[in-house]
C-alpha atoms as a PDB file:
ATOM      1  CA  UNK A   1     131.759 102.160 153.543  1.00  0.00           C
ATOM      2  CA  UNK A   2     129.625 100.111 151.137  1.00  0.00           C
ATOM      3  CA  UNK A   3     130.346  96.450 150.769  1.00  0.00           C
ATOM      4  CA  UNK A   4     130.698  95.200 147.153  1.00  0.00           C
ATOM      5  CA  UNK A   5     128.828  92.077 146.205  1.00  0.00           C
ATOM      6  CA  UNK A   6     129.423  89.816 143.240  1.00  0.00           C
ATOM      7  CA  UNK A   7     130.215  86.290 142.168  1.00  0.00           C
ATOM      8  CA  UNK A   8     133.359  84.574 143.295  1.00  0.00           C
ATOM      9  CA  UNK A   9     135.644  82.850 140.821  1.00  0.00           C
ATOM     10  CA  UNK A  10     134.579  79.444 142.120  1.00  0.00           C
ATOM     11  CA  UNK A  11     130.902  80.223 141.525  1.00  0.00           C
ATOM     12  CA  UNK A  12     131.634  81.324 137.957  1.00  0.00           C
ATOM     13  CA  UNK A  13     133.631  78.166 137.249  1.00  0.00           C
ATOM     14  CA  UNK A  14     130.809  75.989 138.620  1.00  0.00           C
ATOM     15  CA  UNK A  15     128.278  77.737 136.353  1.00  0.00           C
ATOM     16  CA  UNK A  16     130.541  77.299 133.302  1.00  0.00           C
ATOM     17  CA  UNK A  17     131.005  73.594 134.087  1.00  0.00           C
ATOM     18  CA  UNK A  18     127.240  73.101 134.444  1.00  0.00           C
ATOM     19  CA  UNK A  19     126.621  74.877 131.114  1.00  0.00           C
ATOM     20  CA  UNK A  20     129.270  72.686 129.484  1.00  0.00           C
ATOM     21  CA  UNK A  21     127.602  69.524 130.756  1.00  0.00           C
ATOM     22  CA  UNK A  22     124.205  70.712 129.522  1.00  0.00           C
ATOM     23  CA  UNK A  23     125.671  71.585 126.104  1.00  0.00           C
ATOM     24  CA  UNK A  24     127.272  68.169 125.665  1.00  0.00           C
ATOM     25  CA  UNK A  25     123.947  66.441 126.328  1.00  0.00           C
ATOM     26  CA  UNK A  26     121.751  68.827 124.303  1.00  0.00           C
ATOM     27  CA  UNK A  27     123.831  69.427 121.140  1.00  0.00           C
ATOM     28  CA  UNK A  28     123.674  65.827 119.858  1.00  0.00           C
ATOM     29  CA  UNK A  29     119.884  65.982 120.056  1.00  0.00           C
ATOM     30  CA  UNK A  30     119.787  69.077 117.837  1.00  0.00           C
ATOM     31  CA  UNK A  31     122.323  67.686 115.367  1.00  0.00           C
ATOM     32  CA  UNK A  32     120.210  64.567 114.828  1.00  0.00           C
ATOM     33  CA  UNK A  33     117.071  66.573 114.026  1.00  0.00           C
ATOM     34  CA  UNK A  34     118.023  66.965 110.363  1.00  0.00           C
ATOM     35  CA  UNK A  35     118.464  63.212 109.982  1.00  0.00           C
ATOM     36  CA  UNK A  36     115.190  62.523 111.786  1.00  0.00           C
ATOM     37  CA  UNK A  37     113.389  65.008 109.530  1.00  0.00           C
ATOM     38  CA  UNK A  38     114.701  63.297 106.383  1.00  0.00           C
ATOM     39  CA  UNK A  39     113.655  59.877 107.659  1.00  0.00           C
ATOM     40  CA  UNK A  40     110.205  61.185 108.585  1.00  0.00           C
ATOM     41  CA  UNK A  41     109.902  62.711 105.107  1.00  0.00           C
ATOM     42  CA  UNK A  42     110.651  59.331 103.510  1.00  0.00           C
ATOM     43  CA  UNK A  43     108.045  57.596 105.672  1.00  0.00           C
ATOM     44  CA  UNK A  44     105.504  60.304 104.797  1.00  0.00           C
ATOM     45  CA  UNK A  45     106.189  59.736 101.093  1.00  0.00           C
ATOM     46  CA  UNK A  46     105.811  55.982 101.612  1.00  0.00           C
ATOM     47  CA  UNK A  47     102.419  56.538 103.236  1.00  0.00           C
ATOM     48  CA  UNK A  48     101.311  58.879 100.457  1.00  0.00           C
ATOM     49  CA  UNK A  49     102.345  56.390  97.766  1.00  0.00           C
ATOM     50  CA  UNK A  50     100.635  53.498  99.587  1.00  0.00           C
ATOM     51  CA  UNK A  51      97.355  55.343 100.038  1.00  0.00           C
ATOM     52  CA  UNK A  52      97.553  56.703  96.480  1.00  0.00           C
ATOM     53  CA  UNK A  53      98.051  53.171  95.185  1.00  0.00           C
ATOM     54  CA  UNK A  54      94.939  52.054  97.081  1.00  0.00           C
ATOM     55  CA  UNK A  55      92.913  54.744  95.353  1.00  0.00           C
ATOM     56  CA  UNK A  56      94.365  53.980  91.927  1.00  0.00           C
ATOM     57  CA  UNK A  57      93.741  50.256  92.345  1.00  0.00           C
ATOM     58  CA  UNK A  58      90.140  50.867  93.411  1.00  0.00           C
ATOM     59  CA  UNK A  59      89.595  53.029  90.314  1.00  0.00           C
ATOM     60  CA  UNK A  60      91.344  50.416  88.142  1.00  0.00           C
ATOM     61  CA  UNK A  61      88.961  47.741  89.467  1.00  0.00           C
ATOM     62  CA  UNK A  62      85.976  49.933  88.646  1.00  0.00           C
ATOM     63  CA  UNK A  63      87.320  50.575  85.144  1.00  0.00           C
ATOM     64  CA  UNK A  64      88.324  46.922  84.591  1.00  0.00           C
ATOM     65  CA  UNK A  65      92.020  47.585  83.878  1.00  0.00           C
ATOM     66  CA  UNK A  66      93.512  45.939  86.985  1.00  0.00           C
ATOM     67  CA  UNK A  67      95.057  43.092  84.949  1.00  0.00           C
ATOM     68  CA  UNK A  68      96.500  45.230  82.177  1.00  0.00           C
ATOM     69  CA  UNK A  69     100.322  45.525  82.088  1.00  0.00           C
ATOM     70  CA  UNK A  70     100.037  49.109  80.830  1.00  0.00           C
ATOM     71  CA  UNK A  71      96.963  51.282  80.998  1.00  0.00           C
ATOM     72  CA  UNK A  72      95.709  54.636  82.211  1.00  0.00           C
ATOM     73  CA  UNK A  73      93.394  55.024  85.187  1.00  0.00           C
ATOM     74  CA  UNK A  74      91.021  57.973  85.102  1.00  0.00           C
ATOM     75  CA  UNK A  75      90.913  59.384  88.633  1.00  0.00           C
ATOM     76  CA  UNK A  76      87.742  61.337  87.903  1.00  0.00           C
ATOM     77  CA  UNK A  77      89.209  64.798  88.452  1.00  0.00           C
ATOM     78  CA  UNK A  78      90.772  65.214  85.033  1.00  0.00           C
ATOM     79  CA  UNK A  79      93.898  63.286  86.059  1.00  0.00           C
ATOM     80  CA  UNK A  80      94.861  60.126  84.192  1.00  0.00           C
ATOM     81  CA  UNK A  81      97.418  58.018  86.024  1.00  0.00           C
ATOM     82  CA  UNK A  82      99.610  55.605  84.043  1.00  0.00           C
ATOM     83  CA  UNK A  83      99.219  52.197  85.668  1.00  0.00           C
ATOM     84  CA  UNK A  84     100.599  48.679  85.569  1.00  0.00           C
ATOM     85  CA  UNK A  85      98.363  45.877  86.803  1.00  0.00           C
ATOM     86  CA  UNK A  86      96.084  48.410  88.460  1.00  0.00           C
ATOM     87  CA  UNK A  87      98.805  50.216  90.436  1.00  0.00           C
ATOM     88  CA  UNK A  88     100.823  53.344  89.698  1.00  0.00           C
ATOM     89  CA  UNK A  89     103.730  52.845  87.325  1.00  0.00           C
ATOM     90  CA  UNK A  90     107.244  53.517  88.605  1.00  0.00           C
ATOM     91  CA  UNK A  91     107.486  56.904  86.911  1.00  0.00           C
ATOM     92  CA  UNK A  92     107.550  60.359  88.424  1.00  0.00           C
ATOM     93  CA  UNK A  93     104.601  61.447  86.253  1.00  0.00           C
ATOM     94  CA  UNK A  94     102.454  58.559  87.453  1.00  0.00           C
ATOM     95  CA  UNK A  95     103.284  59.192  91.113  1.00  0.00           C
ATOM     96  CA  UNK A  96     102.949  62.974  90.805  1.00  0.00           C
ATOM     97  CA  UNK A  97      99.415  62.453  89.486  1.00  0.00           C
ATOM     98  CA  UNK A  98      98.381  61.100  92.887  1.00  0.00           C
ATOM     99  CA  UNK A  99     101.023  62.106  95.444  1.00  0.00           C
ATOM    100  CA  UNK A 100     101.073  65.775  96.380  1.00  0.00           C
ATOM    101  CA  UNK A 101     104.842  66.325  96.119  1.00  0.00           C
ATOM    102  CA  UNK A 102     107.201  68.020  93.714  1.00  0.00           C
ATOM    103  CA  UNK A 103     109.753  65.822  91.973  1.00  0.00           C
ATOM    104  CA  UNK A 104     112.888  66.924  90.135  1.00  0.00           C
ATOM    105  CA  UNK A 105     115.275  64.762  88.115  1.00  0.00           C
ATOM    106  CA  UNK A 106     118.297  66.917  88.940  1.00  0.00           C
ATOM    107  CA  UNK A 107     120.653  65.585  91.551  1.00  0.00           C
ATOM    108  CA  UNK A 108     121.946  69.007  92.562  1.00  0.00           C
ATOM    109  CA  UNK A 109     120.635  72.495  93.118  1.00  0.00           C
ATOM    110  CA  UNK A 110     118.308  74.026  95.613  1.00  0.00           C
ATOM    111  CA  UNK A 111     114.979  74.695  93.980  1.00  0.00           C
ATOM    112  CA  UNK A 112     111.390  74.335  95.096  1.00  0.00           C
ATOM    113  CA  UNK A 113     111.212  70.546  94.895  1.00  0.00           C
ATOM    114  CA  UNK A 114     110.584  68.089  97.690  1.00  0.00           C
ATOM    115  CA  UNK A 115     112.383  65.088  96.188  1.00  0.00           C
ATOM    116  CA  UNK A 116     115.004  64.254  93.601  1.00  0.00           C
ATOM    117  CA  UNK A 117     114.285  61.148  91.563  1.00  0.00           C
ATOM    118  CA  UNK A 118     116.405  58.748  89.538  1.00  0.00           C
ATOM    119  CA  UNK A 119     115.767  55.611  87.550  1.00  0.00           C
ATOM    120  CA  UNK A 120     118.621  53.379  88.758  1.00  0.00           C
ATOM    121  CA  UNK A 121     118.673  51.005  85.802  1.00  0.00           C
ATOM    122  CA  UNK A 122     116.544  49.149  83.344  1.00  0.00           C
ATOM    123  CA  UNK A 123     115.629  46.722  86.104  1.00  0.00           C
ATOM    124  CA  UNK A 124     112.644  44.450  85.785  1.00  0.00           C
ATOM    125  CA  UNK A 125     110.230  45.251  87.267  1.00  0.00           C
ATOM    126  CA  UNK A 126     110.685  48.979  86.808  1.00  0.00           C
ATOM    127  CA  UNK A 127     111.715  51.046  89.810  1.00  0.00           C
ATOM    128  CA  UNK A 128     112.322  54.647  90.797  1.00  0.00           C
ATOM    129  CA  UNK A 129     114.357  56.136  93.665  1.00  0.00           C
ATOM    130  CA  UNK A 130     113.312  59.266  95.573  1.00  0.00           C
ATOM    131  CA  UNK A 131     115.762  61.217  97.724  1.00  0.00           C
ATOM    132  CA  UNK A 132     114.720  64.124  99.984  1.00  0.00           C
ATOM    133  CA  UNK A 133     116.058  67.538  98.980  1.00  0.00           C
ATOM    134  CA  UNK A 134     119.608  67.913 100.311  1.00  0.00           C
ATOM    135  CA  UNK A 135     119.916  64.312 101.526  1.00  0.00           C
ATOM    136  CA  UNK A 136     122.981  62.179 100.768  1.00  0.00           C
ATOM    137  CA  UNK A 137     122.680  59.440  98.102  1.00  0.00           C
ATOM    138  CA  UNK A 138     122.341  56.681 100.723  1.00  0.00           C
ATOM    139  CA  UNK A 139     119.072  58.148 102.044  1.00  0.00           C
ATOM    140  CA  UNK A 140     116.227  57.230  99.695  1.00  0.00           C
ATOM    141  CA  UNK A 141     112.940  55.480  99.021  1.00  0.00           C
ATOM    142  CA  UNK A 142     112.614  52.974  96.184  1.00  0.00           C
ATOM    143  CA  UNK A 143     109.262  52.237  94.547  1.00  0.00           C
ATOM    144  CA  UNK A 144     109.149  48.953  92.618  1.00  0.00           C
ATOM    145  CA  UNK A 145     106.355  48.702  90.088  1.00  0.00           C
ATOM    146  CA  UNK A 146     103.794  45.898  90.255  1.00  0.00           C
ATOM    147  CA  UNK A 147     104.093  42.990  87.869  1.00  0.00           C
ATOM    148  CA  UNK A 148     101.737  40.160  86.921  1.00  0.00           C
ATOM    149  CA  UNK A 149     102.350  38.237  90.157  1.00  0.00           C
ATOM    150  CA  UNK A 150     103.455  40.846  92.734  1.00  0.00           C
ATOM    151  CA  UNK A 151     101.949  44.070  94.021  1.00  0.00           C
ATOM    152  CA  UNK A 152     104.173  47.152  94.118  1.00  0.00           C
ATOM    153  CA  UNK A 153     106.844  47.320  96.783  1.00  0.00           C
ATOM    154  CA  UNK A 154     108.175  50.301  98.679  1.00  0.00           C
ATOM    155  CA  UNK A 155     111.474  50.133 100.547  1.00  0.00           C
ATOM    156  CA  UNK A 156     113.278  52.832 102.528  1.00  0.00           C
ATOM    157  CA  UNK A 157     117.039  53.065 103.075  1.00  0.00           C
ATOM    158  CA  UNK A 158     117.997  55.394 105.922  1.00  0.00           C
ATOM    159  CA  UNK A 159     121.605  54.418 106.531  1.00  0.00           C
ATOM    160  CA  UNK A 160     122.992  57.749 105.342  1.00  0.00           C
ATOM    161  CA  UNK A 161     120.285  60.152 106.399  1.00  0.00           C
END
């Protein structure tokens, strides 16, 4: 007579408990990935805007328009970037001329854009908000245009990402 071999009920329960423990420690890591990706996207945009502003300001210095409240900086590749005091203006067209991202004014939909943008108010100095595609409203980057005494500022809010 052949002896049957298999797992006992206790062995199966132990395996299920171990898998449950592993799942409770691993699932939160995967859930947070979407939030981490949105935050990383905002920091990447901040870096792109900062380096783009360095290039625009250098070109503005060469062209002598760094003290003008409203001018256009010729980037030398057929792109003219609207500027304020030598830095990019707080408009999506100015930023899109230097930053390699797609911007869309719509606050809904799922199209081929990287960021949604809004102009929050007629604040002085001018500002623009960028929100990653699909992110909640409390996850955004704000670009504040330069004025006569201050360089541009970039701030990130990640509380709702």
